[in-house]
Amino acid sequence: MSASVPSASTVVLVRDGVDGVETYLMRRVATMAFAPRMHVFPGGRLDDADRAARVTLIGADLDELARRASADPDELHALYSCAVRETREEVGIELATVNCDGGMQIDVEALPLVDHWVTPEGGSRRYDVRFFAAMIVGEDVRLCTTEADEGGWLRPGDALAAFAAGEFPLLAPTEHVLRWLDGFDAAADVIRAGGERSVIPLLPVRVPDDAGVTRWILVNDRTREVVRDPHVAPHTRESDGLPMEST
């Protein structure tokens, strides 16, 4: 993990709508210190309760899953605990089975890891974020948090079109996940493909040249191996929701 970068979990909720796959997005209030006014999936930073939670993960090779999440076993359990807790607190959906003794059982096949992004260096607030996906069938999703002032179900393509028109602010990782979602016809296909998807910790990095002009590249945060060069510059600062500088 990047030095001193806190871990976070976010959950990409999907369902089958009348016209195809839909996902739930919330707009963060303008007073938030991180990503104000941005439309995001439910989620948040790991806290002490997530690390102390009694969580049993079932349904997958946990060593392989920890490798895909770039996490040790303890952090893997905390990441899943955080994903479940944040989804419950923010939109009122329970993604785990709660045992009579208060412990949680989580089926990781129903909550697959689908992406992993680390916010760019130099920001005032940075996070090491794992993205999970969950299919919603029949449950009543409702906005329960004061950190967002509106939320709703949208087709990924519609959200991307509104973003392109300047009407729907998104952070670059959210845009990236929406583009991936836009290729599916059914929510179950998202969950199935998510569990098989190659996941590495993606970090956008600004690289200056000798003339003082910069370009962006995408690297593996853990190994610094270059994944894409050049990479599209992040369009929005995570810290304040304002446009990134072009150079």
Protein backbone atom coordinates (compact mmCIF):
# COMPACT_ATOMS: atom_id res chain seq x y z
CA MET A 1 0.00 0.00 0.00
CA SER A 2 1.15 3.56 -0.65
CA ALA A 3 2.76 4.92 2.51
CA SER A 4 0.15 6.28 4.95
CA VAL A 5 -2.68 6.12 2.39
CA PRO A 6 -5.86 4.95 4.20
CA SER A 7 -7.81 2.04 2.75
CA ALA A 8 -11.44 2.43 1.71
CA SER A 9 -14.21 0.30 0.24
CA THR A 10 -16.95 1.25 -2.18
CA VAL A 11 -19.82 -0.85 -3.49
CA VAL A 12 -21.16 -0.75 -7.02
CA LEU A 13 -24.83 -1.67 -6.62
CA VAL A 14 -26.44 -3.01 -9.81
CA ARG A 15 -29.91 -4.14 -10.73
CA ASP A 16 -31.88 -5.12 -13.83
CA GLY A 17 -33.93 -2.14 -14.97
CA VAL A 18 -36.59 -1.91 -17.67
CA ASP A 19 -33.99 -0.81 -20.23
CA GLY A 20 -30.96 -2.70 -18.98
CA VAL A 21 -28.47 -2.67 -16.12
CA GLU A 22 -28.77 0.22 -13.67
CA THR A 23 -26.41 1.33 -10.89
CA TYR A 24 -26.98 3.46 -7.81
CA LEU A 25 -25.11 6.77 -7.55
CA MET A 26 -25.19 9.40 -4.79
CA ARG A 27 -24.22 13.08 -4.99
CA ARG A 28 -21.92 14.11 -2.14
CA VAL A 29 -22.84 17.34 -0.42
CA ALA A 30 -20.84 20.46 -1.27
CA THR A 31 -19.42 20.74 2.26
CA MET A 32 -17.57 17.39 2.13
CA ALA A 33 -13.79 17.66 2.47
CA PHE A 34 -13.30 14.90 -0.11
CA ALA A 35 -15.00 14.79 -3.52
CA PRO A 36 -17.69 17.42 -2.87
CA ARG A 37 -20.49 17.55 -5.45
CA MET A 38 -19.25 14.34 -7.04
CA HIS A 39 -21.56 11.45 -7.91
CA VAL A 40 -20.20 8.31 -6.27
CA PHE A 41 -21.05 4.75 -5.32
CA PRO A 42 -21.76 4.06 -1.62
CA GLY A 43 -18.59 3.64 0.39
CA GLY A 44 -16.05 5.09 2.76
CA ARG A 45 -12.85 4.71 4.73
CA LEU A 46 -12.03 1.70 6.90
CA ASP A 47 -12.38 2.39 10.61
CA ASP A 48 -11.37 0.58 13.80
CA ALA A 49 -14.71 -1.23 13.97
CA ASP A 50 -14.08 -2.78 10.55
CA ARG A 51 -10.74 -4.13 11.69
CA ALA A 52 -12.26 -5.50 14.91
CA ALA A 53 -15.38 -6.98 13.29
CA ARG A 54 -15.85 -10.74 13.37
CA VAL A 55 -16.22 -11.54 9.68
CA THR A 56 -16.35 -14.92 7.99
CA LEU A 57 -15.76 -14.85 4.23
CA ILE A 58 -17.14 -17.76 2.22
CA GLY A 59 -17.37 -18.78 -1.41
CA ALA A 60 -13.85 -18.27 -2.76
CA ASP A 61 -10.15 -19.04 -2.35
CA LEU A 62 -9.33 -16.38 0.22
CA ASP A 63 -5.58 -16.44 -0.46
CA GLU A 64 -6.23 -15.71 -4.13
CA LEU A 65 -8.79 -13.05 -3.23
CA ALA A 66 -6.33 -11.35 -0.88
CA ARG A 67 -3.77 -11.35 -3.69
CA ARG A 68 -6.28 -9.74 -6.07
CA ALA A 69 -7.09 -7.13 -3.42
CA SER A 70 -3.39 -6.44 -2.73
CA ALA A 71 -4.17 -7.06 0.93
CA ASP A 72 -3.18 -9.36 3.75
CA PRO A 73 -5.91 -11.58 5.24
CA ASP A 74 -6.71 -9.20 8.10
CA GLU A 75 -7.11 -6.22 5.77
CA LEU A 76 -9.19 -8.30 3.35
CA HIS A 77 -11.70 -9.03 6.13
CA ALA A 78 -11.71 -5.35 7.15
CA LEU A 79 -12.29 -4.25 3.55
CA TYR A 80 -15.33 -6.50 3.29
CA SER A 81 -16.59 -5.37 6.69
CA CYS A 82 -16.27 -1.76 5.55
CA ALA A 83 -18.09 -2.46 2.28
CA VAL A 84 -21.00 -4.03 4.17
CA ARG A 85 -21.11 -1.35 6.87
CA GLU A 86 -20.99 1.60 4.49
CA THR A 87 -23.72 0.13 2.28
CA ARG A 88 -25.93 -0.42 5.33
CA GLU A 89 -25.29 3.07 6.72
CA GLU A 90 -25.60 4.99 3.46
CA VAL A 91 -28.39 3.23 1.55
CA GLY A 92 -30.01 0.83 4.03
CA ILE A 93 -29.02 -2.40 2.27
CA GLU A 94 -27.62 -5.39 4.20
CA LEU A 95 -25.05 -7.39 2.20
CA ALA A 96 -24.07 -9.84 4.93
CA THR A 97 -25.75 -12.50 7.02
CA VAL A 98 -25.59 -11.40 10.66
CA ASN A 99 -25.24 -14.29 13.07
CA CYS A 100 -26.97 -14.45 16.44
CA ASP A 101 -23.64 -13.74 18.15
CA GLY A 102 -23.18 -10.53 16.13
CA GLY A 103 -20.62 -11.90 13.70
CA MET A 104 -21.06 -11.46 9.96
CA GLN A 105 -20.91 -14.00 7.16
CA ILE A 106 -20.20 -12.59 3.69
CA ASP A 107 -20.47 -14.51 0.44
CA VAL A 108 -17.63 -13.03 -1.60
CA GLU A 109 -19.01 -14.53 -4.81
CA ALA A 110 -22.05 -12.29 -4.36
CA LEU A 111 -19.83 -9.32 -3.48
CA PRO A 112 -16.88 -9.63 -5.86
CA LEU A 113 -13.90 -7.31 -6.01
CA VAL A 114 -14.10 -5.56 -9.40
CA ASP A 115 -11.58 -2.69 -9.35
CA HIS A 116 -8.90 -0.95 -7.29
CA TRP A 117 -7.75 2.68 -7.51
CA VAL A 118 -5.36 4.80 -5.48
CA THR A 119 -5.86 8.57 -5.54
CA PRO A 120 -3.00 10.56 -7.13
CA GLU A 121 0.00 11.67 -5.12
CA GLY A 122 0.07 15.23 -3.84
CA GLY A 123 -3.58 15.44 -2.86
CA SER A 124 -4.52 16.66 0.61
CA ARG A 125 -6.68 13.58 1.13
CA ARG A 126 -5.75 10.26 -0.45
CA TYR A 127 -7.39 6.84 -0.36
CA ASP A 128 -6.55 3.30 -1.45
CA VAL A 129 -9.97 2.21 -2.68
CA ARG A 130 -11.27 -1.27 -3.49
CA PHE A 131 -14.46 -1.44 -5.55
CA PHE A 132 -16.90 -4.30 -4.92
CA ALA A 133 -20.13 -5.08 -6.77
CA ALA A 134 -23.48 -6.36 -5.49
CA MET A 135 -26.72 -7.20 -7.28
CA ILE A 136 -29.93 -5.82 -5.78
CA VAL A 137 -33.19 -7.71 -6.33
CA GLY A 138 -36.33 -6.26 -4.79
CA GLU A 139 -34.73 -4.43 -1.86
CA ASP A 140 -35.66 -0.84 -1.16
CA VAL A 141 -32.52 1.27 -1.63
CA ARG A 142 -32.91 4.55 0.24
CA LEU A 143 -30.48 7.37 0.94
CA CYS A 144 -29.66 7.24 4.67
CA THR A 145 -26.56 9.42 4.93
CA THR A 146 -26.09 13.14 5.48
CA GLU A 147 -22.95 12.96 3.33
CA ALA A 148 -25.08 12.93 0.17
CA ASP A 149 -28.07 15.06 -0.79
CA GLU A 150 -29.53 12.92 -3.58
CA GLY A 151 -29.23 9.46 -5.02
CA GLY A 152 -30.87 7.25 -7.58
CA TRP A 153 -30.64 4.46 -10.13
CA LEU A 154 -29.20 5.26 -13.56
CA ARG A 155 -28.11 3.33 -16.58
CA PRO A 156 -24.29 3.62 -16.80
CA GLY A 157 -24.55 5.00 -20.33
CA ASP A 158 -26.95 7.71 -19.21
CA ALA A 159 -24.64 8.73 -16.36
CA LEU A 160 -21.69 8.88 -18.77
CA ALA A 161 -23.66 10.95 -21.27
CA ALA A 162 -24.65 13.43 -18.57
CA PHE A 163 -21.04 13.57 -17.43
CA ALA A 164 -19.85 14.27 -20.99
CA ALA A 165 -22.39 17.11 -21.18
CA GLY A 166 -20.97 18.66 -18.03
CA GLU A 167 -24.12 17.96 -16.02
CA PHE A 168 -23.02 15.06 -13.80
CA PRO A 169 -19.64 15.44 -12.05
CA LEU A 170 -17.68 12.21 -11.64
CA LEU A 171 -14.27 11.25 -10.34
CA ALA A 172 -12.11 9.42 -12.88
CA PRO A 173 -12.29 5.99 -11.15
CA THR A 174 -16.10 6.21 -11.02
CA GLU A 175 -16.15 7.07 -14.71
CA HIS A 176 -13.85 4.09 -15.40
CA VAL A 177 -16.14 1.67 -13.55
CA LEU A 178 -19.22 3.07 -15.30
CA ARG A 179 -17.59 2.44 -18.68
CA TRP A 180 -16.99 -1.15 -17.63
CA LEU A 181 -20.60 -1.54 -16.45
CA ASP A 182 -21.92 -0.11 -19.71
CA GLY A 183 -20.91 -3.29 -21.53
CA PHE A 184 -23.36 -5.59 -19.69
CA ASP A 185 -26.95 -6.55 -20.47
CA ALA A 186 -27.80 -8.13 -17.10
CA ALA A 187 -26.84 -7.47 -13.49
CA ALA A 188 -25.98 -11.13 -12.90
CA ASP A 189 -23.40 -10.88 -15.68
CA VAL A 190 -21.73 -7.98 -13.85
CA ILE A 191 -21.33 -10.08 -10.71
CA ARG A 192 -20.08 -13.11 -12.63
CA ALA A 193 -17.54 -11.12 -14.66
CA GLY A 194 -16.46 -9.09 -11.65
CA GLY A 195 -15.24 -12.15 -9.81
CA GLU A 196 -13.05 -13.10 -12.76
CA ARG A 197 -11.75 -9.65 -13.60
CA SER A 198 -8.05 -8.84 -13.39
CA VAL A 199 -7.63 -6.30 -10.58
CA ILE A 200 -4.48 -4.34 -9.75
CA PRO A 201 -4.02 -1.14 -7.71
CA LEU A 202 -4.12 1.62 -10.33
CA LEU A 203 -2.38 4.91 -9.57
CA PRO A 204 -2.36 7.88 -11.97
CA VAL A 205 1.06 9.58 -11.87
CA ARG A 206 2.10 12.96 -13.28
CA VAL A 207 5.47 12.77 -15.10
CA PRO A 208 7.35 15.96 -16.13
CA ASP A 209 9.73 16.04 -19.08
CA ASP A 210 12.87 18.13 -19.53
CA ALA A 211 10.87 20.98 -21.08
CA GLY A 212 8.60 21.24 -18.07
CA VAL A 213 5.61 19.74 -19.84
CA THR A 214 3.87 16.94 -17.98
CA ARG A 215 2.03 13.86 -19.07
CA TRP A 216 0.11 11.31 -17.03
CA ILE A 217 0.86 7.62 -16.82
CA LEU A 218 -0.95 4.79 -15.01
CA VAL A 219 1.13 2.52 -12.77
CA ASN A 220 0.66 -0.42 -10.44
CA ASP A 221 0.75 1.30 -7.04
CA ARG A 222 2.50 -1.65 -5.38
CA THR A 223 5.18 -2.42 -7.97
CA ARG A 224 5.34 0.91 -9.88
CA GLU A 225 5.15 -1.10 -13.09
CA VAL A 226 3.75 1.09 -15.88
CA VAL A 227 0.29 -0.06 -16.93
CA ARG A 228 -0.45 2.66 -19.50
CA ASP A 229 1.74 5.39 -20.99
CA PRO A 230 0.41 7.91 -21.71
CA HIS A 231 -2.75 7.88 -19.62
CA VAL A 232 -5.65 10.32 -19.81
CA ALA A 233 -5.13 13.02 -17.19
CA PRO A 234 -7.56 12.91 -14.25
CA HIS A 235 -10.26 15.45 -15.04
CA THR A 236 -11.26 16.19 -11.42
CA ARG A 237 -9.37 16.66 -8.16
CA GLU A 238 -10.61 14.27 -5.49
CA SER A 239 -9.86 16.76 -2.71
CA ASP A 240 -12.25 19.54 -3.74
CA GLY A 241 -14.16 18.35 -6.81
CA LEU A 242 -12.61 21.03 -9.03
CA PRO A 243 -11.13 20.45 -12.52
CA MET A 244 -7.52 19.26 -12.66
CA GLU A 245 -4.93 21.59 -14.09
CA SER A 246 -3.94 20.64 -17.62
CA THR A 247 -0.21 20.77 -16.87
